[in-house]
Protein backbone atom coordinates (compact mmCIF):
# COMPACT_ATOMS: atom_id res chain seq x y z
CA MET A 1 -4.07 -12.40 -4.69
CA ARG A 2 -7.39 -11.23 -6.00
CA ALA A 3 -9.13 -8.39 -4.18
CA GLN A 4 -12.74 -7.39 -4.71
CA ILE A 5 -13.24 -3.75 -5.66
CA GLY A 6 -16.96 -3.26 -5.69
CA GLU A 7 -19.65 -5.85 -6.32
CA LYS A 8 -18.36 -7.23 -9.61
CA ASP A 9 -14.85 -5.87 -10.12
CA TRP A 10 -11.54 -7.28 -8.92
CA ALA A 11 -7.84 -6.44 -8.86
CA GLU A 12 -4.79 -8.70 -8.83
CA ILE A 13 -2.44 -7.60 -6.06
CA THR A 14 1.08 -8.95 -5.64
CA PRO A 15 1.34 -10.82 -2.30
CA VAL A 16 2.98 -9.05 0.64
CA GLU A 17 5.70 -11.71 0.69
CA SER A 18 6.82 -10.55 -2.76
CA LEU A 19 7.57 -6.97 -1.73
CA THR A 20 11.13 -5.83 -2.30
CA ARG A 21 13.42 -3.08 -1.12
CA LEU A 22 12.59 -1.21 -4.32
CA ASP A 23 8.89 -1.24 -3.37
CA ARG A 24 9.80 0.19 0.04
CA LYS A 25 11.91 2.92 -1.57
CA ALA A 26 9.05 3.88 -3.91
CA VAL A 27 6.59 4.24 -1.04
CA ASN A 28 9.08 6.01 1.23
CA ALA A 29 9.75 8.54 -1.51
CA ALA A 30 6.12 9.61 -1.15
CA ILE A 31 6.54 10.34 2.57
CA VAL A 32 7.60 13.94 3.02
CA PHE A 33 8.00 15.72 6.33
CA GLU A 34 8.69 19.42 6.18
CA GLN A 35 9.98 21.58 8.97
CA GLY A 36 8.29 24.96 9.03
CA ASP A 37 8.46 27.88 11.42
CA GLY A 38 5.55 26.42 13.37
CA GLY A 39 6.96 22.88 13.55
CA ALA A 40 6.69 19.78 11.45
CA VAL A 41 4.31 19.76 8.50
CA VAL A 42 2.80 16.58 7.08
CA ARG A 43 1.14 16.89 3.69
CA ALA A 44 -2.51 15.84 3.58
CA SER A 45 -1.80 14.00 0.31
CA MET A 46 0.74 11.64 1.90
CA ASP A 47 -1.70 8.69 2.15
CA ASP A 48 -2.76 9.19 -1.47
CA ASP A 49 0.85 9.41 -2.61
CA MET A 50 1.83 6.26 -0.69
CA ALA A 51 -1.13 4.30 -2.07
CA ASP A 52 -0.41 5.47 -5.62
CA ALA A 53 3.27 4.57 -5.36
CA LEU A 54 2.47 1.10 -4.07
CA LEU A 55 -0.49 0.33 -6.34
CA ALA A 56 1.59 1.28 -9.38
CA ARG A 57 3.93 -1.54 -8.34
CA VAL A 58 1.60 -4.24 -6.99
CA CYS A 59 -1.73 -3.91 -8.85
CA THR A 60 -0.86 -5.94 -11.92
CA ASP A 61 -4.30 -6.59 -13.42
CA TRP A 62 -7.95 -5.75 -12.86
CA SER A 63 -11.39 -6.11 -14.41
CA LEU A 64 -11.84 -2.38 -14.98
CA PRO A 65 -11.88 -0.98 -18.55
CA TRP A 66 -8.52 0.84 -18.18
CA PRO A 67 -4.96 -0.45 -18.03
CA ALA A 68 -3.90 -1.74 -14.62
CA PRO A 69 -1.82 0.65 -12.49
CA ALA A 70 1.35 -1.41 -12.99
CA THR A 71 1.02 -0.58 -16.69
CA GLU A 72 -0.56 2.88 -16.47
CA PRO A 73 -0.49 4.48 -12.98
CA SER A 74 -2.78 7.33 -14.08
CA SER A 75 -5.63 4.77 -14.32
CA LEU A 76 -5.93 5.12 -10.53
CA ASP A 77 -7.36 8.61 -11.05
CA LYS A 78 -10.41 7.10 -12.80
CA LEU A 79 -11.49 5.04 -9.77
CA THR A 80 -14.63 5.84 -7.84
CA LEU A 81 -14.10 6.56 -4.16
CA GLU A 82 -15.64 3.18 -3.34
CA GLN A 83 -13.19 1.37 -5.63
CA ASP A 84 -10.27 3.40 -4.25
CA ASP A 85 -11.29 2.56 -0.66
CA ALA A 86 -11.43 -1.15 -1.52
CA LEU A 87 -7.96 -1.08 -3.09
CA ARG A 88 -6.54 0.81 -0.12
CA GLU A 89 -8.00 -1.81 2.19
CA ALA A 90 -6.41 -4.56 0.09
CA ILE A 91 -2.95 -3.01 0.39
CA LYS A 92 -3.05 -2.26 4.13
CA PRO A 93 -0.88 -5.32 4.89
CA HIS A 94 1.59 -4.13 2.23
CA ILE A 95 1.83 -0.66 3.75
CA LYS A 96 2.28 -2.15 7.23
CA ALA A 97 5.07 -4.38 5.96
CA ILE A 98 6.83 -1.48 4.26
CA LEU A 99 6.56 0.66 7.38
CA GLY A 100 7.94 -2.19 9.49
CA HIS A 101 4.72 -3.11 11.26
CA ASN A 102 4.67 -6.77 10.24
CA ALA A 103 2.43 -9.12 12.12
CA PRO A 104 4.26 -11.85 14.05
CA VAL A 105 4.94 -15.00 12.05
CA PRO A 106 6.02 -18.40 13.37
CA GLY A 107 9.71 -17.71 12.74
CA ASN A 108 9.49 -14.26 14.33
CA GLU A 109 6.90 -14.49 17.08
CA THR A 110 6.42 -11.67 19.52
CA PRO A 111 7.98 -12.70 22.85
CA THR A 112 5.70 -13.05 25.83
CA PRO A 113 6.76 -11.46 29.13
CA ALA A 114 7.75 -14.89 30.47
CA SER A 115 9.96 -15.65 27.46
CA ALA A 116 11.62 -12.24 27.05
CA SER A 117 14.99 -11.80 28.64
């Protein structure tokens, strides 16, 4: 699928349906919870790390003058904040799928109170 990143630029993003277990493992590796003396610690960079891990797997092409993240993940560091925000928006469904927050689909609809047993 093609996602707009700015007024004239675009990125090719692998569809959510194409995600694999390996994609999930790559994103989950970026999620780190630490237990400190004061309780659980969540790194502020976790969202960045998750987005980087996923974009390096699903952003296969783009109109920008650097190699796509699937080829060269460090290209992500050259994005403007506006471009980065647009790419993060484009992969929200991917992140939700990886975290197990899939939207209901016809074969897996959410039961209504009347239909739940």
